[in-house]
Protein backbone atom coordinates (compact mmCIF):
# COMPACT_ATOMS: atom_id res chain seq x y z
CA MET A 1 24.34 26.82 -60.03
CA SER A 2 20.86 26.29 -58.67
CA THR A 3 18.63 28.21 -56.33
CA GLY A 4 17.78 24.88 -54.80
CA TYR A 5 14.04 24.40 -55.24
CA HIS A 6 12.44 22.54 -52.35
CA ASP A 7 9.24 20.68 -51.90
CA GLY A 8 7.33 23.90 -51.24
CA SER A 9 8.51 25.53 -54.41
CA ARG A 10 7.82 22.42 -56.45
CA THR A 11 4.32 22.03 -55.08
CA LEU A 12 3.36 25.55 -56.32
CA GLN A 13 5.25 25.17 -59.54
CA ASP A 14 3.36 22.03 -60.37
CA ARG A 15 0.07 23.46 -59.18
CA HIS A 16 0.50 26.23 -61.78
CA ASP A 17 2.16 24.19 -64.42
CA ILE A 18 5.29 26.37 -64.38
CA ARG A 19 8.05 23.94 -63.34
CA ALA A 20 9.60 23.98 -66.83
CA LEU A 21 9.87 27.78 -66.74
CA ALA A 22 11.35 27.70 -63.26
CA ASP A 23 13.91 25.15 -64.26
CA ARG A 24 14.81 27.23 -67.29
CA ILE A 25 15.44 30.30 -65.20
CA ASP A 26 17.44 28.23 -62.75
CA GLU A 27 19.47 26.77 -65.62
CA LEU A 28 20.16 30.02 -67.55
CA LEU A 29 19.97 33.01 -65.13
CA VAL A 30 21.25 31.81 -61.75
CA SER A 31 24.92 31.97 -60.93
CA ASP A 32 27.15 31.64 -57.85
CA THR A 33 29.47 34.36 -59.21
CA ILE A 34 29.16 38.09 -59.69
CA ASN A 35 29.73 39.20 -63.36
CA GLU A 36 30.68 42.68 -64.52
CA GLY A 37 27.14 43.66 -65.16
CA ASP A 38 26.10 42.54 -61.66
CA LYS A 39 29.06 44.44 -60.14
CA ALA A 40 28.07 47.60 -61.92
CA PHE A 41 24.40 47.36 -60.85
CA ILE A 42 25.27 46.61 -57.18
CA GLU A 43 27.79 49.40 -56.82
CA ALA A 44 25.48 51.91 -58.36
CA ARG A 45 22.83 51.30 -55.74
CA ASP A 46 22.31 53.54 -52.73
CA MET A 47 20.09 51.09 -50.86
CA PHE A 48 19.03 47.39 -50.62
CA PHE A 49 16.81 45.21 -48.52
CA LEU A 50 18.39 42.57 -46.24
CA ALA A 51 16.61 39.40 -45.18
CA THR A 52 17.97 37.42 -42.23
CA ALA A 53 16.67 34.86 -39.79
CA ASP A 54 17.58 33.96 -36.24
CA ALA A 55 18.77 30.54 -35.02
CA GLU A 56 15.13 29.32 -34.92
CA GLY A 57 14.43 30.56 -38.45
CA ARG A 58 12.30 33.49 -37.38
CA PRO A 59 12.77 36.04 -40.26
CA SER A 60 13.61 39.76 -40.24
CA CYS A 61 13.90 42.11 -43.12
CA SER A 62 15.66 45.53 -43.01
CA TYR A 63 16.49 48.40 -45.23
CA LYS A 64 20.10 49.42 -45.71
CA GLY A 65 21.05 52.81 -47.23
CA GLY A 66 24.15 54.72 -48.01
CA ASP A 67 25.89 56.64 -50.78
CA PRO A 68 26.17 54.85 -54.13
CA GLY A 69 29.03 52.44 -53.92
CA PHE A 70 28.53 51.72 -50.21
CA VAL A 71 28.11 48.02 -51.17
CA ARG A 72 31.38 46.95 -52.70
CA VAL A 73 32.05 43.94 -54.85
CA LEU A 74 35.43 42.60 -53.65
CA ASP A 75 35.75 39.71 -56.08
CA GLU A 76 33.64 37.48 -58.23
CA THR A 77 32.03 35.78 -55.15
CA THR A 78 32.08 38.39 -52.35
CA LEU A 79 30.62 41.68 -51.57
CA ALA A 80 30.81 43.87 -48.42
CA PHE A 81 28.80 46.64 -46.85
CA PRO A 82 29.13 48.77 -43.65
CA SER A 83 26.94 48.82 -40.63
CA TYR A 84 26.32 52.35 -39.50
CA ASP A 85 24.88 53.66 -36.21
CA GLY A 86 21.24 52.70 -35.92
CA ASN A 87 18.79 52.07 -33.13
CA GLY A 88 20.97 49.57 -31.32
CA MET A 89 18.73 46.53 -31.75
CA TYR A 90 21.14 44.76 -34.16
CA ARG A 91 18.36 42.54 -35.49
CA SER A 92 20.00 41.79 -38.84
CA ALA A 93 23.65 41.75 -37.66
CA GLY A 94 22.76 39.74 -34.64
CA ASN A 95 20.93 37.22 -36.79
CA VAL A 96 24.00 36.92 -38.97
CA LEU A 97 26.03 35.84 -35.90
CA VAL A 98 23.76 32.86 -35.18
CA ASN A 99 22.47 32.12 -38.73
CA PRO A 100 24.76 33.35 -41.63
CA HIS A 101 22.25 32.66 -44.45
CA VAL A 102 21.06 36.00 -45.90
CA GLY A 103 19.05 37.33 -48.84
CA MET A 104 19.74 40.71 -50.39
CA LEU A 105 17.42 42.55 -52.86
CA PHE A 106 18.88 45.42 -54.90
CA VAL A 107 16.35 47.61 -56.62
CA ASP A 108 16.57 50.42 -59.09
CA LEU A 109 13.19 52.14 -58.48
CA GLU A 110 13.73 54.76 -61.20
CA ARG A 111 14.49 52.38 -64.10
CA GLY A 112 12.71 49.29 -62.85
CA HIS A 113 15.37 46.75 -62.38
CA ARG A 114 16.13 44.46 -59.49
CA MET A 115 18.55 41.71 -58.57
CA ARG A 116 18.65 39.03 -55.81
CA PHE A 117 21.75 38.00 -54.05
CA GLU A 118 21.72 35.10 -51.60
CA GLY A 119 24.77 33.86 -49.69
CA ILE A 120 26.63 33.35 -46.45
CA ALA A 121 27.34 36.41 -44.39
CA SER A 122 30.20 36.99 -41.87
CA ILE A 123 31.13 39.77 -39.41
CA ASP A 124 34.74 40.46 -38.37
CA LEU A 125 34.81 43.28 -35.89
CA ASP A 126 38.37 43.90 -36.89
CA ASP A 127 37.83 43.83 -40.64
CA PRO A 128 40.39 46.11 -42.25
CA LEU A 129 37.68 47.38 -44.59
CA ARG A 130 36.03 49.15 -41.67
CA GLU A 131 38.67 51.95 -41.87
CA GLU A 132 37.59 52.71 -45.46
CA TYR A 133 33.98 53.46 -44.38
CA LEU A 134 33.56 56.69 -42.52
CA GLU A 135 31.88 56.01 -39.05
CA ALA A 136 31.22 52.36 -39.81
CA GLN A 137 30.77 50.23 -36.71
CA PHE A 138 31.77 47.02 -38.55
CA VAL A 139 31.66 45.50 -42.03
CA VAL A 140 29.51 42.61 -43.23
CA ARG A 141 30.89 40.39 -45.99
CA VAL A 142 28.68 38.08 -48.04
CA LYS A 143 29.86 35.11 -50.03
CA ALA A 144 27.62 34.40 -52.99
CA ARG A 145 25.42 31.27 -53.19
CA ALA A 146 22.98 32.46 -55.82
CA VAL A 147 22.93 35.67 -57.91
CA TYR A 148 20.08 36.23 -60.31
CA PRO A 149 17.78 38.92 -61.78
CA ASN A 150 14.21 39.29 -60.35
CA CYS A 151 11.11 39.97 -62.34
CA PRO A 152 10.54 43.72 -62.39
CA ARG A 153 6.93 43.67 -63.56
CA TYR A 154 5.29 45.01 -60.39
CA LEU A 155 7.90 47.59 -59.52
CA HIS A 156 6.39 51.07 -59.16
CA ARG A 157 8.61 53.87 -60.50
CA TYR A 158 10.03 56.39 -58.09
CA GLU A 159 12.34 59.35 -58.49
CA LEU A 160 14.99 60.18 -55.95
CA LYS A 161 14.03 63.29 -53.95
CA GLN A 162 16.85 63.49 -51.54
CA ARG A 163 19.49 61.16 -50.15
CA SER A 164 19.57 60.71 -46.36
CA ARG A 165 21.68 63.49 -44.64
CA PHE A 166 22.49 60.90 -41.92
CA VAL A 167 24.91 58.94 -44.18
CA PRO A 168 28.39 59.82 -42.94
CA ALA A 169 30.35 62.00 -45.30
CA ALA A 170 33.86 63.44 -45.14
CA GLY A 171 34.20 67.05 -44.25
CA CYS A 172 30.98 67.52 -42.30
CA ALA A 173 29.64 66.33 -38.93
CA THR A 174 26.94 63.67 -39.18
CA PRO A 175 23.65 65.11 -37.88
CA VAL A 176 22.01 63.68 -34.74
CA PRO A 177 18.66 62.00 -35.04
CA GLU A 178 16.01 63.85 -33.07
CA TRP A 179 14.46 60.68 -31.61
CA LYS A 180 17.65 60.01 -29.66
CA ARG A 181 17.13 63.27 -27.85
CA SER A 182 13.65 62.10 -26.74
CA ASP A 183 12.90 61.54 -23.08
CA TRP A 184 12.27 57.86 -23.66
CA ALA A 185 15.64 57.28 -25.34
CA TYR A 186 18.13 59.87 -24.04
CA ASP A 187 19.12 58.23 -20.78
CA ALA A 188 19.65 54.86 -22.36
CA LEU A 189 22.19 56.05 -24.94
CA PRO A 190 25.80 54.87 -24.89
CA ALA A 191 28.07 57.22 -23.00
CA ALA A 192 29.87 58.25 -26.26
CA ASP A 193 26.87 58.83 -28.30
CA PRO A 194 26.99 62.32 -29.98
CA ALA A 195 23.25 62.77 -29.26
CA ARG A 196 24.11 63.19 -25.59
CA ASP A 197 25.87 66.46 -26.46
CA PRO A 198 25.34 67.38 -30.05
CA GLY A 199 27.40 70.58 -29.83
CA GLU A 200 27.39 72.10 -33.26
CA ARG A 201 25.91 69.03 -34.91
CA GLU A 202 22.56 69.53 -36.50
CA VAL A 203 19.56 67.71 -34.94
CA LEU A 204 17.25 66.33 -37.58
CA GLY A 205 13.88 64.63 -37.41
CA ARG A 206 14.56 62.50 -40.49
């Protein structure tokens, strides 16, 4: 499996005399399947970064968070993750519908490890997996094209302070984000949005 170096990559590799190393990494470390170590690393993460592009190639990058295990490895070539309520822009998911090529970066900021996952994404609004994710709007599946480790040298080390209280959890009502109650947003909310009438739900600023 190859990451598929193009002329841009080759130009810089040759400029810095590093083509041989790049080819060695491509040969030894890049795969189009998910091994058991990859699976364990992915499913232990509580966040990742998602890169997408629209039909014209204009890029977007977003952060996705959840409880550990919210990204599931379904088989040796496929993973899935839920889309929870957000700001309604659907930048990333909308891009997937017009350009399915995506990049995912999984990072362990405490231990200093990271992994890249590139593939073809798809969205089925009736995906049966949606029922297994509390409050998920839909599920995104990604078929692997290239799976490989990423150099961790410049990763700063961070310790987890608190996981987001907005991640849906069984047995408790998901809080309402304070910004949805703001004058500029409130009247534009969907009719069924809990922020319109939080009731006993907690309203949180973050």
